[in-house]
Amino acid sequence: GLEALESAKQLVPNVMLLDINLPGMNGLQVARTL
């Protein structure tokens, strides 16, 4: 999840395919933060 946030902020993909159960930060937390 943490890597997902950093990469998303740098790359800004149109679509993110996101698993809910992730190490570091779960997918729901990633979605809320994004």
PDB file of all heavy atoms in Angstrom:
ATOM      1  N   GLY A   1       0.782  -1.227   0.000  1.00  0.00           N
ATOM      2  CA  GLY A   1       0.000   0.000   0.000  1.00  0.00           C
ATOM      3  C   GLY A   1       0.812   1.273   0.000  1.00  0.00           C
ATOM      4  O   GLY A   1       0.488   2.231  -0.704  1.00  0.00           O
ATOM      5  N   LEU A   2       1.866   1.316   0.784  1.00  0.00           N
ATOM      6  CA  LEU A   2       2.696   2.530   0.841  1.00  0.00           C
ATOM      7  C   LEU A   2       3.376   2.801  -0.498  1.00  0.00           C
ATOM      8  O   LEU A   2       3.426   3.943  -0.965  1.00  0.00           O
ATOM      9  CB  LEU A   2       3.722   2.416   1.968  1.00  0.00           C
ATOM     10  CG  LEU A   2       3.124   2.344   3.377  1.00  0.00           C
ATOM     11  CD1 LEU A   2       4.198   2.027   4.410  1.00  0.00           C
ATOM     12  CD2 LEU A   2       2.398   3.632   3.719  1.00  0.00           C
ATOM     13  N   GLU A   3       3.881   1.741  -1.109  1.00  0.00           N
ATOM     14  CA  GLU A   3       4.510   1.880  -2.427  1.00  0.00           C
ATOM     15  C   GLU A   3       3.475   2.317  -3.466  1.00  0.00           C
ATOM     16  O   GLU A   3       3.773   3.116  -4.361  1.00  0.00           O
ATOM     17  CB  GLU A   3       5.155   0.550  -2.830  1.00  0.00           C
ATOM     18  CG  GLU A   3       5.940   0.608  -4.108  1.00  0.00           C
ATOM     19  CD  GLU A   3       6.528  -0.746  -4.507  1.00  0.00           C
ATOM     20  OE1 GLU A   3       6.260  -1.773  -3.848  1.00  0.00           O
ATOM     21  OE2 GLU A   3       7.264  -0.759  -5.506  1.00  0.00           O
ATOM     22  N   ALA A   4       2.249   1.821  -3.324  1.00  0.00           N
ATOM     23  CA  ALA A   4       1.176   2.206  -4.245  1.00  0.00           C
ATOM     24  C   ALA A   4       0.918   3.708  -4.187  1.00  0.00           C
ATOM     25  O   ALA A   4       0.779   4.369  -5.218  1.00  0.00           O
ATOM     26  CB  ALA A   4      -0.104   1.439  -3.916  1.00  0.00           C
ATOM     27  N   LEU A   5       0.874   4.257  -2.970  1.00  0.00           N
ATOM     28  CA  LEU A   5       0.648   5.702  -2.817  1.00  0.00           C
ATOM     29  C   LEU A   5       1.759   6.517  -3.460  1.00  0.00           C
ATOM     30  O   LEU A   5       1.492   7.471  -4.196  1.00  0.00           O
ATOM     31  CB  LEU A   5       0.538   6.071  -1.344  1.00  0.00           C
ATOM     32  CG  LEU A   5      -0.781   5.792  -0.665  1.00  0.00           C
ATOM     33  CD1 LEU A   5      -0.697   6.162   0.816  1.00  0.00           C
ATOM     34  CD2 LEU A   5      -1.914   6.537  -1.346  1.00  0.00           C
ATOM     35  N   GLU A   6       2.992   6.147  -3.175  1.00  0.00           N
ATOM     36  CA  GLU A   6       4.127   6.893  -3.735  1.00  0.00           C
ATOM     37  C   GLU A   6       4.145   6.817  -5.256  1.00  0.00           C
ATOM     38  O   GLU A   6       4.325   7.835  -5.934  1.00  0.00           O
ATOM     39  CB  GLU A   6       5.440   6.373  -3.151  1.00  0.00           C
ATOM     40  CG  GLU A   6       5.632   6.729  -1.694  1.00  0.00           C
ATOM     41  CD  GLU A   6       5.485   8.217  -1.417  1.00  0.00           C
ATOM     42  OE1 GLU A   6       6.102   9.033  -2.144  1.00  0.00           O
ATOM     43  OE2 GLU A   6       4.740   8.572  -0.488  1.00  0.00           O
ATOM     44  N   SER A   7       3.966   5.620  -5.795  1.00  0.00           N
ATOM     45  CA  SER A   7       3.978   5.459  -7.255  1.00  0.00           C
ATOM     46  C   SER A   7       2.814   6.190  -7.906  1.00  0.00           C
ATOM     47  O   SER A   7       2.969   6.797  -8.961  1.00  0.00           O
ATOM     48  CB  SER A   7       3.935   3.978  -7.620  1.00  0.00           C
ATOM     49  OG  SER A   7       5.120   3.345  -7.219  1.00  0.00           O
ATOM     50  N   ALA A   8       1.630   6.135  -7.273  1.00  0.00           N
ATOM     51  CA  ALA A   8       0.456   6.808  -7.837  1.00  0.00           C
ATOM     52  C   ALA A   8       0.662   8.321  -7.893  1.00  0.00           C
ATOM     53  O   ALA A   8       0.290   8.967  -8.872  1.00  0.00           O
ATOM     54  CB  ALA A   8      -0.783   6.470  -7.022  1.00  0.00           C
ATOM     55  N   LYS A   9       1.264   8.878  -6.859  1.00  0.00           N
ATOM     56  CA  LYS A   9       1.502  10.326  -6.837  1.00  0.00           C
ATOM     57  C   LYS A   9       2.496  10.743  -7.919  1.00  0.00           C
ATOM     58  O   LYS A   9       2.392  11.828  -8.483  1.00  0.00           O
ATOM     59  CB  LYS A   9       2.005  10.758  -5.464  1.00  0.00           C
ATOM     60  CG  LYS A   9       0.918  10.710  -4.410  1.00  0.00           C
ATOM     61  CD  LYS A   9       1.472  11.013  -3.038  1.00  0.00           C
ATOM     62  CE  LYS A   9       0.411  10.841  -1.966  1.00  0.00           C
ATOM     63  NZ  LYS A   9       0.956  11.016  -0.608  1.00  0.00           N
ATOM     64  N   GLN A  10       3.462   9.881  -8.222  1.00  0.00           N
ATOM     65  CA  GLN A  10       4.453  10.197  -9.247  1.00  0.00           C
ATOM     66  C   GLN A  10       3.923   9.955 -10.656  1.00  0.00           C
ATOM     67  O   GLN A  10       4.146  10.750 -11.552  1.00  0.00           O
ATOM     68  CB  GLN A  10       5.705   9.351  -9.037  1.00  0.00           C
ATOM     69  CG  GLN A  10       6.490   9.723  -7.805  1.00  0.00           C
ATOM     70  CD  GLN A  10       7.651   8.765  -7.566  1.00  0.00           C
ATOM     71  OE1 GLN A  10       7.915   7.861  -8.343  1.00  0.00           O
ATOM     72  NE2 GLN A  10       8.356   8.972  -6.457  1.00  0.00           N
ATOM     73  N   LEU A  11       3.214   8.825 -10.851  1.00  0.00           N
ATOM     74  CA  LEU A  11       2.812   8.402 -12.193  1.00  0.00           C
ATOM     75  C   LEU A  11       1.391   8.817 -12.581  1.00  0.00           C
ATOM     76  O   LEU A  11       1.086   8.925 -13.759  1.00  0.00           O
ATOM     77  CB  LEU A  11       2.948   6.882 -12.323  1.00  0.00           C
ATOM     78  CG  LEU A  11       4.344   6.311 -12.074  1.00  0.00           C
ATOM     79  CD1 LEU A  11       4.302   4.793 -12.019  1.00  0.00           C
ATOM     80  CD2 LEU A  11       5.311   6.798 -13.144  1.00  0.00           C
ATOM     81  N   VAL A  12       0.518   9.001 -11.614  1.00  0.00           N
ATOM     82  CA  VAL A  12      -0.903   9.332 -11.799  1.00  0.00           C
ATOM     83  C   VAL A  12      -1.540   8.491 -12.922  1.00  0.00           C
ATOM     84  O   VAL A  12      -1.860   9.000 -13.996  1.00  0.00           O
ATOM     85  CB  VAL A  12      -1.130  10.846 -12.045  1.00  0.00           C
ATOM     86  CG1 VAL A  12      -2.618  11.179 -11.957  1.00  0.00           C
ATOM     87  CG2 VAL A  12      -0.343  11.691 -11.065  1.00  0.00           C
ATOM     88  N   PRO A  13      -1.709   7.198 -12.653  1.00  0.00           N
ATOM     89  CA  PRO A  13      -2.343   6.335 -13.654  1.00  0.00           C
ATOM     90  C   PRO A  13      -3.814   6.710 -13.824  1.00  0.00           C
ATOM     91  O   PRO A  13      -4.424   7.290 -12.919  1.00  0.00           O
ATOM     92  CB  PRO A  13      -2.214   4.938 -13.039  1.00  0.00           C
ATOM     93  CG  PRO A  13      -2.203   5.190 -11.567  1.00  0.00           C
ATOM     94  CD  PRO A  13      -1.448   6.486 -11.401  1.00  0.00           C
ATOM     95  N   ASN A  14      -4.384   6.376 -14.964  1.00  0.00           N
ATOM     96  CA  ASN A  14      -5.826   6.576 -15.158  1.00  0.00           C
ATOM     97  C   ASN A  14      -6.619   5.633 -14.266  1.00  0.00           C
ATOM     98  O   ASN A  14      -7.643   6.017 -13.705  1.00  0.00           O
ATOM     99  CB  ASN A  14      -6.229   6.315 -16.614  1.00  0.00           C
ATOM    100  CG  ASN A  14      -5.559   7.242 -17.584  1.00  0.00           C
ATOM    101  OD1 ASN A  14      -4.911   6.794 -18.531  1.00  0.00           O
ATOM    102  ND2 ASN A  14      -5.681   8.540 -17.390  1.00  0.00           N
ATOM    103  N   VAL A  15      -6.142   4.382 -14.166  1.00  0.00           N
ATOM    104  CA  VAL A  15      -6.850   3.350 -13.409  1.00  0.00           C
ATOM    105  C   VAL A  15      -5.857   2.594 -12.538  1.00  0.00           C
ATOM    106  O   VAL A  15      -4.755   2.268 -12.975  1.00  0.00           O
ATOM    107  CB  VAL A  15      -7.572   2.351 -14.355  1.00  0.00           C
ATOM    108  CG1 VAL A  15      -8.243   1.233 -13.581  1.00  0.00           C
ATOM    109  CG2 VAL A  15      -8.590   3.082 -15.236  1.00  0.00           C
ATOM    110  N   MET A  16      -6.281   2.319 -11.294  1.00  0.00           N
ATOM    111  CA  MET A  16      -5.486   1.496 -10.390  1.00  0.00           C
ATOM    112  C   MET A  16      -6.288   0.244 -10.062  1.00  0.00           C
ATOM    113  O   MET A  16      -7.427   0.334  -9.609  1.00  0.00           O
ATOM    114  CB  MET A  16      -5.165   2.253  -9.105  1.00  0.00           C
ATOM    115  CG  MET A  16      -4.374   1.421  -8.094  1.00  0.00           C
ATOM    116  SD  MET A  16      -4.106   2.287  -6.526  1.00  0.00           S
ATOM    117  CE  MET A  16      -2.821   3.444  -7.019  1.00  0.00           C
ATOM    118  N   LEU A  17      -5.690  -0.925 -10.310  1.00  0.00           N
ATOM    119  CA  LEU A  17      -6.271  -2.199  -9.882  1.00  0.00           C
ATOM    120  C   LEU A  17      -5.682  -2.480  -8.515  1.00  0.00           C
ATOM    121  O   LEU A  17      -4.482  -2.698  -8.385  1.00  0.00           O
ATOM    122  CB  LEU A  17      -5.925  -3.310 -10.870  1.00  0.00           C
ATOM    123  CG  LEU A  17      -6.389  -3.072 -12.309  1.00  0.00           C
ATOM    124  CD1 LEU A  17      -5.947  -4.217 -13.204  1.00  0.00           C
ATOM    125  CD2 LEU A  17      -7.896  -2.881 -12.369  1.00  0.00           C
ATOM    126  N   LEU A  18      -6.507  -2.462  -7.478  1.00  0.00           N
ATOM    127  CA  LEU A  18      -6.034  -2.414  -6.103  1.00  0.00           C
ATOM    128  C   LEU A  18      -6.609  -3.553  -5.269  1.00  0.00           C
ATOM    129  O   LEU A  18      -7.829  -3.664  -5.118  1.00  0.00           O
ATOM    130  CB  LEU A  18      -6.446  -1.061  -5.500  1.00  0.00           C
ATOM    131  CG  LEU A  18      -6.071  -0.726  -4.081  1.00  0.00           C
ATOM    132  CD1 LEU A  18      -4.558  -0.739  -3.884  1.00  0.00           C
ATOM    133  CD2 LEU A  18      -6.642   0.639  -3.705  1.00  0.00           C
ATOM    134  N   ASP A  19      -5.726  -4.378  -4.734  1.00  0.00           N
ATOM    135  CA  ASP A  19      -6.130  -5.436  -3.812  1.00  0.00           C
ATOM    136  C   ASP A  19      -6.494  -4.794  -2.475  1.00  0.00           C
ATOM    137  O   ASP A  19      -5.885  -3.788  -2.081  1.00  0.00           O
ATOM    138  CB  ASP A  19      -4.965  -6.420  -3.630  1.00  0.00           C
ATOM    139  CG  ASP A  19      -5.327  -7.652  -2.810  1.00  0.00           C
ATOM    140  OD1 ASP A  19      -6.525  -7.878  -2.542  1.00  0.00           O
ATOM    141  OD2 ASP A  19      -4.401  -8.381  -2.434  1.00  0.00           O
ATOM    142  N   ILE A  20      -7.463  -5.350  -1.779  1.00  0.00           N
ATOM    143  CA  ILE A  20      -7.828  -4.799  -0.468  1.00  0.00           C
ATOM    144  C   ILE A  20      -6.809  -5.203   0.590  1.00  0.00           C
ATOM    145  O   ILE A  20      -6.390  -4.394   1.402  1.00  0.00           O
ATOM    146  CB  ILE A  20      -9.252  -5.225  -0.064  1.00  0.00           C
ATOM    147  CG1 ILE A  20     -10.269  -4.471  -0.922  1.00  0.00           C
ATOM    148  CG2 ILE A  20      -9.501  -4.945   1.416  1.00  0.00           C
ATOM    149  CD1 ILE A  20     -11.708  -4.770  -0.611  1.00  0.00           C
ATOM    150  N   ASN A  21      -6.384  -6.456   0.573  1.00  0.00           N
ATOM    151  CA  ASN A  21      -5.463  -6.949   1.605  1.00  0.00           C
ATOM    152  C   ASN A  21      -4.028  -6.812   1.130  1.00  0.00           C
ATOM    153  O   ASN A  21      -3.556  -7.589   0.306  1.00  0.00           O
ATOM    154  CB  ASN A  21      -5.779  -8.412   1.948  1.00  0.00           C
ATOM    155  CG  ASN A  21      -7.124  -8.534   2.609  1.00  0.00           C
ATOM    156  OD1 ASN A  21      -7.450  -7.763   3.498  1.00  0.00           O
ATOM    157  ND2 ASN A  21      -7.918  -9.490   2.163  1.00  0.00           N
ATOM    158  N   LEU A  22      -3.358  -5.782   1.664  1.00  0.00           N
ATOM    159  CA  LEU A  22      -1.977  -5.491   1.288  1.00  0.00           C
ATOM    160  C   LEU A  22      -1.135  -5.286   2.537  1.00  0.00           C
ATOM    161  O   LEU A  22      -1.641  -4.825   3.558  1.00  0.00           O
ATOM    162  CB  LEU A  22      -1.916  -4.194   0.470  1.00  0.00           C
ATOM    163  CG  LEU A  22      -2.567  -4.180  -0.894  1.00  0.00           C
ATOM    164  CD1 LEU A  22      -2.659  -2.750  -1.405  1.00  0.00           C
ATOM    165  CD2 LEU A  22      -1.781  -5.047  -1.856  1.00  0.00           C
ATOM    166  N   PRO A  23       0.156  -5.567   2.438  1.00  0.00           N
ATOM    167  CA  PRO A  23       1.037  -5.226   3.560  1.00  0.00           C
ATOM    168  C   PRO A  23       1.270  -3.716   3.612  1.00  0.00           C
ATOM    169  O   PRO A  23       1.138  -3.021   2.614  1.00  0.00           O
ATOM    170  CB  PRO A  23       2.336  -5.977   3.235  1.00  0.00           C
ATOM    171  CG  PRO A  23       2.284  -6.296   1.781  1.00  0.00           C
ATOM    172  CD  PRO A  23       0.840  -6.303   1.382  1.00  0.00           C
ATOM    173  N   GLY A  24       1.595  -3.226   4.795  1.00  0.00           N
ATOM    174  CA  GLY A  24       1.918  -1.810   4.963  1.00  0.00           C
ATOM    175  C   GLY A  24       0.695  -0.954   5.174  1.00  0.00           C
ATOM    176  O   GLY A  24       0.541  -0.308   6.197  1.00  0.00           O
ATOM    177  N   MET A  25      -0.183  -0.927   4.223  1.00  0.00           N
ATOM    178  CA  MET A  25      -1.407  -0.131   4.274  1.00  0.00           C
ATOM    179  C   MET A  25      -2.422  -0.865   3.406  1.00  0.00           C
ATOM    180  O   MET A  25      -2.110  -1.217   2.267  1.00  0.00           O
ATOM    181  CB  MET A  25      -1.103   1.266   3.718  1.00  0.00           C
ATOM    182  CG  MET A  25      -2.287   2.176   3.615  1.00  0.00           C
ATOM    183  SD  MET A  25      -1.831   3.769   2.853  1.00  0.00           S
ATOM    184  CE  MET A  25      -1.620   4.765   4.306  1.00  0.00           C
ATOM    185  N   ASN A  26      -3.624  -1.127   3.923  1.00  0.00           N
ATOM    186  CA  ASN A  26      -4.566  -1.906   3.114  1.00  0.00           C
ATOM    187  C   ASN A  26      -5.172  -1.070   1.982  1.00  0.00           C
ATOM    188  O   ASN A  26      -5.044   0.153   1.951  1.00  0.00           O
ATOM    189  CB  ASN A  26      -5.631  -2.581   3.987  1.00  0.00           C
ATOM    190  CG  ASN A  26      -6.666  -1.629   4.538  1.00  0.00           C
ATOM    191  OD1 ASN A  26      -7.138  -0.728   3.853  1.00  0.00           O
ATOM    192  ND2 ASN A  26      -7.027  -1.836   5.795  1.00  0.00           N
ATOM    193  N   GLY A  27      -5.812  -1.744   1.052  1.00  0.00           N
ATOM    194  CA  GLY A  27      -6.353  -1.086  -0.133  1.00  0.00           C
ATOM    195  C   GLY A  27      -7.395  -0.031   0.161  1.00  0.00           C
ATOM    196  O   GLY A  27      -7.485   0.980  -0.537  1.00  0.00           O
ATOM    197  N   LEU A  28      -8.203  -0.239   1.208  1.00  0.00           N
ATOM    198  CA  LEU A  28      -9.201   0.771   1.571  1.00  0.00           C
ATOM    199  C   LEU A  28      -8.519   2.053   2.043  1.00  0.00           C
ATOM    200  O   LEU A  28      -8.932   3.153   1.681  1.00  0.00           O
ATOM    201  CB  LEU A  28     -10.134   0.233   2.659  1.00  0.00           C
ATOM    202  CG  LEU A  28     -11.010  -0.950   2.253  1.00  0.00           C
ATOM    203  CD1 LEU A  28     -11.764  -1.491   3.461  1.00  0.00           C
ATOM    204  CD2 LEU A  28     -11.959  -0.592   1.123  1.00  0.00           C
ATOM    205  N   GLN A  29      -7.448   1.910   2.816  1.00  0.00           N
ATOM    206  CA  GLN A  29      -6.692   3.074   3.268  1.00  0.00           C
ATOM    207  C   GLN A  29      -6.022   3.783   2.092  1.00  0.00           C
ATOM    208  O   GLN A  29      -5.993   5.012   2.030  1.00  0.00           O
ATOM    209  CB  GLN A  29      -5.643   2.667   4.301  1.00  0.00           C
ATOM    210  CG  GLN A  29      -6.234   2.155   5.597  1.00  0.00           C
ATOM    211  CD  GLN A  29      -5.193   1.473   6.468  1.00  0.00           C
ATOM    212  OE1 GLN A  29      -4.409   0.649   5.993  1.00  0.00           O
ATOM    213  NE2 GLN A  29      -5.188   1.817   7.753  1.00  0.00           N
ATOM    214  N   VAL A  30      -5.482   3.009   1.168  1.00  0.00           N
ATOM    215  CA  VAL A  30      -4.863   3.590  -0.026  1.00  0.00           C
ATOM    216  C   VAL A  30      -5.896   4.383  -0.812  1.00  0.00           C
ATOM    217  O   VAL A  30      -5.653   5.526  -1.205  1.00  0.00           O
ATOM    218  CB  VAL A  30      -4.228   2.493  -0.916  1.00  0.00           C
ATOM    219  CG1 VAL A  30      -3.788   3.068  -2.262  1.00  0.00           C
ATOM    220  CG2 VAL A  30      -3.058   1.831  -0.211  1.00  0.00           C
ATOM    221  N   ALA A  31      -7.073   3.793  -1.036  1.00  0.00           N
ATOM    222  CA  ALA A  31      -8.125   4.473  -1.804  1.00  0.00           C
ATOM    223  C   ALA A  31      -8.541   5.771  -1.131  1.00  0.00           C
ATOM    224  O   ALA A  31      -8.648   6.813  -1.795  1.00  0.00           O
ATOM    225  CB  ALA A  31      -9.326   3.543  -1.968  1.00  0.00           C
ATOM    226  N   ARG A  32      -8.769   5.726   0.183  1.00  0.00           N
ATOM    227  CA  ARG A  32      -9.166   6.936   0.917  1.00  0.00           C
ATOM    228  C   ARG A  32      -8.102   8.029   0.796  1.00  0.00           C
ATOM    229  O   ARG A  32      -8.406   9.194   0.556  1.00  0.00           O
ATOM    230  CB  ARG A  32      -9.389   6.618   2.397  1.00  0.00           C
ATOM    231  CG  ARG A  32     -10.782   6.219   2.717  1.00  0.00           C
ATOM    232  CD  ARG A  32     -11.002   6.127   4.224  1.00  0.00           C
ATOM    233  NE  ARG A  32     -11.748   4.914   4.494  1.00  0.00           N
ATOM    234  CZ  ARG A  32     -11.234   3.770   4.921  1.00  0.00           C
ATOM    235  NH1 ARG A  32      -9.959   3.668   5.178  1.00  0.00           N
ATOM    236  NH2 ARG A  32     -12.001   2.729   5.107  1.00  0.00           N
ATOM    237  N   THR A  33      -6.853   7.636   0.967  1.00  0.00           N
ATOM    238  CA  THR A  33      -5.757   8.606   0.898  1.00  0.00           C
ATOM    239  C   THR A  33      -5.652   9.209  -0.501  1.00  0.00           C
ATOM    240  O   THR A  33      -5.478  10.421  -0.650  1.00  0.00           O
ATOM    241  CB  THR A  33      -4.424   7.945   1.306  1.00  0.00           C
ATOM    242  OG1 THR A  33      -4.580   7.400   2.615  1.00  0.00           O
ATOM    243  CG2 THR A  33      -3.292   8.938   1.289  1.00  0.00           C
ATOM    244  N   LEU A  34      -5.780   8.383  -1.526  1.00  0.00           N
ATOM    245  CA  LEU A  34      -5.717   8.904  -2.892  1.00  0.00           C
ATOM    246  C   LEU A  34      -6.859   9.861  -3.181  1.00  0.00           C
ATOM    247  O   LEU A  34      -6.662  10.892  -3.822  1.00  0.00           O
ATOM    248  CB  LEU A  34      -5.725   7.759  -3.904  1.00  0.00           C
ATOM    249  CG  LEU A  34      -4.416   6.995  -4.041  1.00  0.00           C
ATOM    250  CD1 LEU A  34      -4.575   5.820  -4.981  1.00  0.00           C
ATOM    251  CD2 LEU A  34      -3.302   7.910  -4.528  1.00  0.00           C
TER     252      LEU A  34
END
